[in-house]
Amino acid sequence: RSLLQNTAALGVFWMFVGFGRGKLEFFKNLNASRSATFRNVSFYDAGKNPGAVPDEKFYSKLANGLAAWLR
């Protein structure tokens, strides 16, 4: 968390993509707390079978995360 917070002022954007059955709660909950919001972090959960996600949907989710940060 501190690394993500410290890099926000440096203009660094982090994009995390989760897939499979791993523990993704850390990434899912990064912006859930009002006390700590990470505007320079985006997370996309591609699900248990990322190969089944159509390319258009996958890349639009990635692009939307970056676009929100650029605004």
N, C-alpha and C. Protein backbone atom coordinates (compact mmCIF):
# COMPACT_ATOMS: atom_id res chain seq x y z
N ARG A 1 0.82 -1.19 0.00
CA ARG A 1 0.00 0.00 0.00
C ARG A 1 0.86 1.26 0.00
N SER A 2 1.90 1.26 0.80
CA SER A 2 2.74 2.45 0.87
C SER A 2 3.46 2.70 -0.45
N LEU A 3 3.89 1.65 -1.13
CA LEU A 3 4.53 1.81 -2.44
C LEU A 3 3.56 2.45 -3.43
N LEU A 4 2.34 1.98 -3.44
CA LEU A 4 1.34 2.54 -4.36
C LEU A 4 1.05 3.99 -4.02
N GLN A 5 0.95 4.31 -2.74
CA GLN A 5 0.70 5.69 -2.34
C GLN A 5 1.88 6.59 -2.69
N ASN A 6 3.09 6.10 -2.46
CA ASN A 6 4.29 6.91 -2.72
C ASN A 6 4.50 7.18 -4.20
N THR A 7 4.08 6.28 -5.06
CA THR A 7 4.29 6.48 -6.49
C THR A 7 3.21 7.34 -7.14
N ALA A 8 2.14 7.62 -6.44
CA ALA A 8 1.07 8.44 -7.01
C ALA A 8 1.58 9.82 -7.39
N ALA A 9 2.41 10.40 -6.55
CA ALA A 9 2.93 11.75 -6.82
C ALA A 9 3.98 11.74 -7.93
N LEU A 10 4.46 10.58 -8.30
CA LEU A 10 5.50 10.48 -9.33
C LEU A 10 4.92 10.29 -10.73
N GLY A 11 3.61 10.20 -10.83
CA GLY A 11 2.98 10.00 -12.13
C GLY A 11 3.04 8.57 -12.61
N VAL A 12 3.12 7.63 -11.69
CA VAL A 12 3.18 6.20 -12.04
C VAL A 12 1.78 5.61 -11.94
N PHE A 13 1.38 4.90 -12.99
CA PHE A 13 0.08 4.24 -13.02
C PHE A 13 0.29 2.74 -12.93
N TRP A 14 -0.47 2.09 -12.07
CA TRP A 14 -0.39 0.65 -11.89
C TRP A 14 -1.67 0.01 -12.40
N MET A 15 -1.53 -0.99 -13.24
CA MET A 15 -2.67 -1.76 -13.74
C MET A 15 -2.45 -3.21 -13.33
N PHE A 16 -3.34 -3.73 -12.52
CA PHE A 16 -3.27 -5.13 -12.10
C PHE A 16 -4.39 -5.89 -12.76
N VAL A 17 -4.07 -7.06 -13.30
CA VAL A 17 -5.06 -7.93 -13.91
C VAL A 17 -5.03 -9.25 -13.14
N GLY A 18 -6.17 -9.58 -12.58
CA GLY A 18 -6.27 -10.82 -11.82
C GLY A 18 -7.00 -11.89 -12.61
N PHE A 19 -6.54 -13.10 -12.48
CA PHE A 19 -7.23 -14.21 -13.12
C PHE A 19 -6.91 -15.49 -12.35
N GLY A 20 -7.75 -16.46 -12.52
CA GLY A 20 -7.55 -17.73 -11.83
C GLY A 20 -8.28 -17.77 -10.51
N ARG A 21 -7.77 -18.60 -9.63
CA ARG A 21 -8.43 -18.81 -8.34
C ARG A 21 -7.64 -18.25 -7.18
N GLY A 22 -6.71 -17.37 -7.46
CA GLY A 22 -5.87 -16.80 -6.41
C GLY A 22 -6.63 -15.86 -5.51
N LYS A 23 -5.95 -15.41 -4.50
CA LYS A 23 -6.53 -14.46 -3.55
C LYS A 23 -6.37 -13.06 -4.12
N LEU A 24 -7.46 -12.48 -4.53
CA LEU A 24 -7.44 -11.17 -5.19
C LEU A 24 -8.05 -10.07 -4.32
N GLU A 25 -8.38 -10.40 -3.08
CA GLU A 25 -9.05 -9.43 -2.22
C GLU A 25 -8.24 -8.15 -2.04
N PHE A 26 -6.92 -8.27 -1.95
CA PHE A 26 -6.09 -7.08 -1.78
C PHE A 26 -6.34 -6.09 -2.90
N PHE A 27 -6.33 -6.57 -4.12
CA PHE A 27 -6.52 -5.69 -5.28
C PHE A 27 -7.96 -5.21 -5.40
N LYS A 28 -8.90 -6.10 -5.12
CA LYS A 28 -10.31 -5.73 -5.21
C LYS A 28 -10.68 -4.65 -4.20
N ASN A 29 -10.01 -4.66 -3.06
CA ASN A 29 -10.38 -3.75 -1.98
C ASN A 29 -9.50 -2.51 -1.88
N LEU A 30 -8.60 -2.30 -2.81
CA LEU A 30 -7.72 -1.13 -2.73
C LEU A 30 -8.50 0.18 -2.66
N ASN A 31 -9.52 0.30 -3.45
CA ASN A 31 -10.29 1.55 -3.48
C ASN A 31 -11.63 1.44 -2.76
N ALA A 32 -11.80 0.38 -1.98
CA ALA A 32 -13.05 0.19 -1.25
C ALA A 32 -13.11 1.07 0.00
N SER A 33 -11.97 1.37 0.58
CA SER A 33 -11.91 2.16 1.79
C SER A 33 -11.87 3.65 1.45
N ARG A 34 -12.65 4.42 2.16
CA ARG A 34 -12.64 5.87 1.93
C ARG A 34 -11.38 6.52 2.49
N SER A 35 -10.74 5.85 3.44
CA SER A 35 -9.55 6.44 4.05
C SER A 35 -8.32 6.34 3.15
N ALA A 36 -8.33 5.38 2.24
CA ALA A 36 -7.18 5.22 1.34
C ALA A 36 -7.68 4.92 -0.06
N THR A 37 -7.63 5.92 -0.90
CA THR A 37 -7.99 5.70 -2.30
C THR A 37 -6.74 5.83 -3.14
N PHE A 38 -6.65 4.97 -4.09
CA PHE A 38 -5.49 4.93 -4.96
C PHE A 38 -5.93 5.32 -6.36
N ARG A 39 -5.75 6.57 -6.69
CA ARG A 39 -6.17 7.05 -8.01
C ARG A 39 -5.24 6.56 -9.10
N ASN A 40 -4.05 6.14 -8.75
CA ASN A 40 -3.07 5.68 -9.74
C ASN A 40 -3.07 4.15 -9.88
N VAL A 41 -4.11 3.50 -9.39
CA VAL A 41 -4.18 2.04 -9.43
C VAL A 41 -5.51 1.61 -10.03
N SER A 42 -5.44 0.66 -10.93
CA SER A 42 -6.65 0.08 -11.51
C SER A 42 -6.52 -1.44 -11.43
N PHE A 43 -7.64 -2.10 -11.22
CA PHE A 43 -7.65 -3.56 -11.14
C PHE A 43 -8.78 -4.09 -12.01
N TYR A 44 -8.45 -5.08 -12.79
CA TYR A 44 -9.45 -5.77 -13.61
C TYR A 44 -9.39 -7.26 -13.30
N ASP A 45 -10.51 -7.80 -12.88
CA ASP A 45 -10.61 -9.23 -12.58
C ASP A 45 -11.10 -9.93 -13.84
N ALA A 46 -10.21 -10.64 -14.50
CA ALA A 46 -10.54 -11.32 -15.76
C ALA A 46 -11.24 -12.66 -15.53
N GLY A 47 -11.43 -13.03 -14.27
CA GLY A 47 -12.17 -14.24 -13.96
C GLY A 47 -11.30 -15.49 -13.94
N LYS A 48 -11.96 -16.61 -13.77
CA LYS A 48 -11.25 -17.88 -13.66
C LYS A 48 -10.73 -18.39 -15.00
N ASN A 49 -11.33 -17.91 -16.08
CA ASN A 49 -10.92 -18.35 -17.41
C ASN A 49 -10.72 -17.12 -18.30
N PRO A 50 -9.58 -16.44 -18.16
CA PRO A 50 -9.38 -15.21 -18.93
C PRO A 50 -9.37 -15.42 -20.43
N GLY A 51 -9.08 -16.63 -20.87
CA GLY A 51 -9.10 -16.91 -22.31
C GLY A 51 -10.49 -16.84 -22.90
N ALA A 52 -11.51 -16.93 -22.05
CA ALA A 52 -12.89 -16.86 -22.51
C ALA A 52 -13.39 -15.42 -22.65
N VAL A 53 -12.63 -14.47 -22.12
CA VAL A 53 -13.02 -13.06 -22.22
C VAL A 53 -12.70 -12.58 -23.63
N PRO A 54 -13.69 -12.06 -24.33
CA PRO A 54 -13.41 -11.56 -25.68
C PRO A 54 -12.35 -10.46 -25.66
N ASP A 55 -11.50 -10.45 -26.67
CA ASP A 55 -10.41 -9.47 -26.74
C ASP A 55 -10.91 -8.05 -26.59
N GLU A 56 -12.01 -7.72 -27.25
CA GLU A 56 -12.54 -6.36 -27.20
C GLU A 56 -12.87 -5.95 -25.77
N LYS A 57 -13.50 -6.84 -25.02
CA LYS A 57 -13.86 -6.54 -23.63
C LYS A 57 -12.61 -6.42 -22.77
N PHE A 58 -11.68 -7.34 -22.95
CA PHE A 58 -10.45 -7.33 -22.15
C PHE A 58 -9.69 -6.02 -22.34
N TYR A 59 -9.45 -5.64 -23.58
CA TYR A 59 -8.68 -4.43 -23.84
C TYR A 59 -9.44 -3.16 -23.50
N SER A 60 -10.76 -3.17 -23.60
CA SER A 60 -11.51 -1.98 -23.21
C SER A 60 -11.45 -1.77 -21.70
N LYS A 61 -11.43 -2.86 -20.93
CA LYS A 61 -11.29 -2.73 -19.47
C LYS A 61 -9.93 -2.14 -19.13
N LEU A 62 -8.89 -2.60 -19.81
CA LEU A 62 -7.55 -2.04 -19.57
C LEU A 62 -7.49 -0.57 -19.94
N ALA A 63 -8.04 -0.24 -21.10
CA ALA A 63 -8.01 1.15 -21.57
C ALA A 63 -8.85 2.05 -20.68
N ASN A 64 -9.96 1.57 -20.18
CA ASN A 64 -10.82 2.38 -19.30
C ASN A 64 -10.12 2.71 -17.99
N GLY A 65 -9.36 1.76 -17.47
CA GLY A 65 -8.61 2.03 -16.24
C GLY A 65 -7.58 3.12 -16.44
N LEU A 66 -6.87 3.07 -17.53
CA LEU A 66 -5.86 4.08 -17.83
C LEU A 66 -6.52 5.43 -18.13
N ALA A 67 -7.60 5.41 -18.88
CA ALA A 67 -8.30 6.66 -19.23
C ALA A 67 -8.81 7.38 -17.99
N ALA A 68 -9.33 6.63 -17.02
CA ALA A 68 -9.83 7.25 -15.80
C ALA A 68 -8.69 7.93 -15.05
N TRP A 69 -7.52 7.35 -15.05
CA TRP A 69 -6.37 7.94 -14.38
C TRP A 69 -5.89 9.19 -15.12
N LEU A 70 -5.91 9.16 -16.45
CA LEU A 70 -5.45 10.31 -17.22
C LEU A 70 -6.35 11.53 -17.05
N ARG A 71 -7.61 11.29 -16.77
CA ARG A 71 -8.53 12.43 -16.55
C ARG A 71 -8.15 13.12 -15.28
